[in-house]
Amino acid sequence: MKKAAIIFWLVIGISNSIISQSIESKIREFARQEYPSDKEMQDYIYHQQVVGYNYMIKVTDSDVKSIAVREYPDDYSMQQYIYNQQLSAKNYMRTVADLDVKSIAIREYPSDYSMQKYIYDQQLSAKQYMRSVPNSSAKSQAIREYPNDYSMQKYIYDKLVYGN
């Protein structure tokens, strides 16, 4: 039994070594492509990519990870950046209070938490603006034209009232 376990771990070690060499080669090639004639920048990019790779193999949100990998399949540093950006936005969207506005954001960008956050903030601001406007006929027309889009309501309202 001991011998089988040792052989198993040797095979796993060899496999991990091959994977590491493969990833290292991929990262070195990426750095060479980014800066073909600058060894110092290649080393810098290589280091950034290794840090990003090590970060990405430890992340826990597979949904967010898939977004990052899809956007930057060969750039581990950018995957790390996108992962953190998307995870932060996903957590933000879990806490938002206005469910009407949240549904607009999710409808527009069902698989991009960063854009959901952006749209949510934009729509919420426009919704609050539309609550405070004084011209009721312009407000009614804007709501009629775009009943499910507060940003467009604001745009139409401003165009009708201020000519913008």
Protein backbone atom coordinates (compact mmCIF):
# COMPACT_ATOMS: atom_id res chain seq x y z
CA MET A 1 0.00 0.00 0.00
CA LYS A 2 2.79 2.42 0.84
CA LYS A 3 4.53 1.79 -2.48
CA ALA A 4 1.31 2.50 -4.42
CA ALA A 5 0.81 5.76 -2.52
CA ILE A 6 4.38 6.85 -3.25
CA ILE A 7 3.98 6.06 -6.95
CA PHE A 8 0.66 7.94 -6.99
CA TRP A 9 2.24 11.07 -5.46
CA LEU A 10 5.22 10.86 -7.82
CA VAL A 11 2.85 10.78 -10.81
CA ILE A 12 0.89 13.72 -9.39
CA GLY A 13 4.15 15.62 -8.80
CA ILE A 14 5.33 14.95 -12.35
CA SER A 15 1.94 16.05 -13.74
CA ASN A 16 2.03 19.26 -11.69
CA SER A 17 5.59 19.90 -12.84
CA ILE A 18 4.53 19.50 -16.48
CA ILE A 19 1.57 21.81 -15.97
CA SER A 20 3.81 24.38 -14.29
CA GLN A 21 6.34 24.20 -17.12
CA SER A 22 3.53 24.55 -19.64
CA ILE A 23 2.08 27.59 -17.85
CA GLU A 24 5.55 29.08 -17.43
CA SER A 25 6.22 28.69 -21.16
CA LYS A 26 2.86 30.22 -21.99
CA ILE A 27 3.55 33.18 -19.69
CA ARG A 28 7.07 33.71 -21.05
CA GLU A 29 5.70 33.70 -24.60
CA PHE A 30 3.00 36.19 -23.60
CA ALA A 31 5.67 38.50 -22.14
CA ARG A 32 7.80 38.18 -25.30
CA GLN A 33 4.83 39.08 -27.48
CA GLU A 34 4.02 42.12 -25.36
CA TYR A 35 7.59 43.46 -25.39
CA PRO A 36 9.56 41.65 -28.11
CA SER A 37 12.69 43.79 -27.79
CA ASP A 38 12.71 44.74 -24.10
CA LYS A 39 13.99 42.01 -21.77
CA GLU A 40 13.42 44.13 -18.66
CA MET A 41 9.75 44.66 -19.53
CA GLN A 42 9.40 40.98 -20.42
CA ASP A 43 10.62 40.12 -16.92
CA TYR A 44 8.19 42.63 -15.42
CA ILE A 45 5.25 41.27 -17.43
CA TYR A 46 6.30 37.70 -16.61
CA HIS A 47 6.25 38.52 -12.89
CA GLN A 48 2.83 40.22 -13.16
CA GLN A 49 1.44 37.25 -15.06
CA VAL A 50 2.77 34.75 -12.51
CA VAL A 51 1.19 36.75 -9.69
CA GLY A 52 -2.09 36.85 -11.62
CA TYR A 53 -1.94 33.14 -12.40
CA ASN A 54 -1.28 32.22 -8.76
CA TYR A 55 -4.15 34.46 -7.71
CA MET A 56 -6.59 33.06 -10.25
CA ILE A 57 -5.95 29.41 -9.36
CA LYS A 58 -7.09 30.20 -5.80
CA VAL A 59 -10.26 32.20 -6.47
CA THR A 60 -13.52 30.72 -5.23
CA ASP A 61 -16.32 32.30 -7.28
CA SER A 62 -16.43 30.22 -10.45
CA ASP A 63 -19.13 32.40 -12.04
CA VAL A 64 -17.00 35.52 -11.72
CA LYS A 65 -13.85 33.62 -12.70
CA SER A 66 -15.49 32.53 -15.95
CA ILE A 67 -16.22 36.18 -16.81
CA ALA A 68 -12.58 37.14 -16.24
CA VAL A 69 -11.20 34.19 -18.21
CA ARG A 70 -13.66 34.81 -21.06
CA GLU A 71 -12.62 38.47 -21.31
CA TYR A 72 -8.85 37.83 -21.08
CA PRO A 73 -8.13 34.16 -21.82
CA ASP A 74 -4.34 34.65 -22.12
CA ASP A 75 -3.70 37.48 -19.64
CA TYR A 76 -3.66 36.35 -16.00
CA SER A 77 -2.96 39.83 -14.69
CA MET A 78 -6.06 41.21 -16.39
CA GLN A 79 -8.04 38.18 -15.25
CA GLN A 80 -7.15 39.10 -11.68
CA TYR A 81 -8.19 42.72 -12.25
CA ILE A 82 -11.50 41.76 -13.91
CA TYR A 83 -12.19 39.09 -11.29
CA ASN A 84 -11.83 41.62 -8.47
CA GLN A 85 -13.88 44.24 -10.32
CA GLN A 86 -16.68 41.78 -11.12
CA LEU A 87 -16.69 40.25 -7.63
CA SER A 88 -16.96 43.68 -6.03
CA ALA A 89 -19.84 44.59 -8.35
CA LYS A 90 -21.56 41.24 -7.70
CA ASN A 91 -21.37 41.84 -3.95
CA TYR A 92 -22.66 45.39 -4.45
CA MET A 93 -25.63 44.16 -6.47
CA ARG A 94 -26.53 41.79 -3.63
CA THR A 95 -27.00 44.79 -1.33
CA VAL A 96 -28.98 47.22 -3.52
CA ALA A 97 -32.36 48.28 -2.22
CA ASP A 98 -34.34 49.33 -5.29
CA LEU A 99 -35.50 46.07 -6.85
CA ASP A 100 -37.22 47.83 -9.77
CA VAL A 101 -33.95 49.46 -10.81
CA LYS A 102 -32.02 46.26 -10.08
CA SER A 103 -34.24 44.36 -12.53
CA ILE A 104 -33.44 46.91 -15.26
CA ALA A 105 -29.71 46.45 -14.69
CA ILE A 106 -29.92 42.66 -14.70
CA ARG A 107 -32.14 42.66 -17.79
CA GLU A 108 -29.63 44.80 -19.71
CA TYR A 109 -26.51 42.92 -18.58
CA PRO A 110 -27.47 39.48 -17.23
CA SER A 111 -23.89 38.16 -17.08
CA ASP A 112 -21.79 41.25 -16.35
CA TYR A 113 -21.90 42.41 -12.73
CA SER A 114 -19.73 45.43 -13.39
CA MET A 115 -22.14 46.74 -16.01
CA GLN A 116 -25.10 45.87 -13.75
CA LYS A 117 -23.60 48.10 -11.06
CA TYR A 118 -23.01 50.90 -13.56
CA ILE A 119 -26.55 50.68 -14.96
CA TYR A 120 -28.07 50.36 -11.49
CA ASP A 121 -26.32 53.54 -10.28
CA GLN A 122 -27.21 55.41 -13.49
CA GLN A 123 -30.86 54.32 -13.43
CA LEU A 124 -31.26 55.01 -9.70
CA SER A 125 -29.92 58.52 -10.11
CA ALA A 126 -32.27 59.15 -13.04
CA LYS A 127 -35.22 57.71 -11.10
CA GLN A 128 -34.53 60.06 -8.19
CA TYR A 129 -34.17 62.95 -10.62
CA MET A 130 -37.51 62.16 -12.26
CA ARG A 131 -39.22 62.14 -8.85
CA SER A 132 -38.14 65.74 -8.30
CA VAL A 133 -38.91 67.35 -11.66
CA PRO A 134 -41.55 70.09 -11.68
CA ASN A 135 -42.92 69.99 -15.24
CA SER A 136 -45.65 67.36 -15.03
CA SER A 137 -46.55 67.32 -18.75
CA ALA A 138 -42.93 66.78 -19.83
CA LYS A 139 -42.57 64.17 -17.10
CA SER A 140 -45.70 62.33 -18.28
CA GLN A 141 -44.51 62.33 -21.88
CA ALA A 142 -41.07 61.01 -20.91
CA ILE A 143 -42.63 58.22 -18.84
CA ARG A 144 -45.01 57.34 -21.67
CA GLU A 145 -42.14 57.07 -24.16
CA TYR A 146 -39.84 55.05 -21.87
CA PRO A 147 -41.86 53.45 -19.06
CA ASN A 148 -39.07 51.03 -18.09
CA ASP A 149 -35.98 53.21 -18.48
CA TYR A 150 -35.39 56.07 -16.05
CA SER A 151 -32.23 57.25 -17.83
CA MET A 152 -34.15 57.71 -21.05
CA GLN A 153 -37.00 59.40 -19.15
CA LYS A 154 -34.47 61.90 -17.80
CA TYR A 155 -33.02 62.40 -21.27
CA ILE A 156 -36.45 63.02 -22.84
CA TYR A 157 -37.55 65.25 -19.96
CA ASP A 158 -34.42 67.40 -20.21
CA LYS A 159 -34.78 67.60 -23.99
CA LEU A 160 -38.41 68.73 -23.70
CA VAL A 161 -37.82 71.23 -20.91
CA TYR A 162 -34.31 72.55 -21.60
CA GLY A 163 -33.85 71.70 -25.27
CA ASN A 164 -30.74 69.62 -24.49
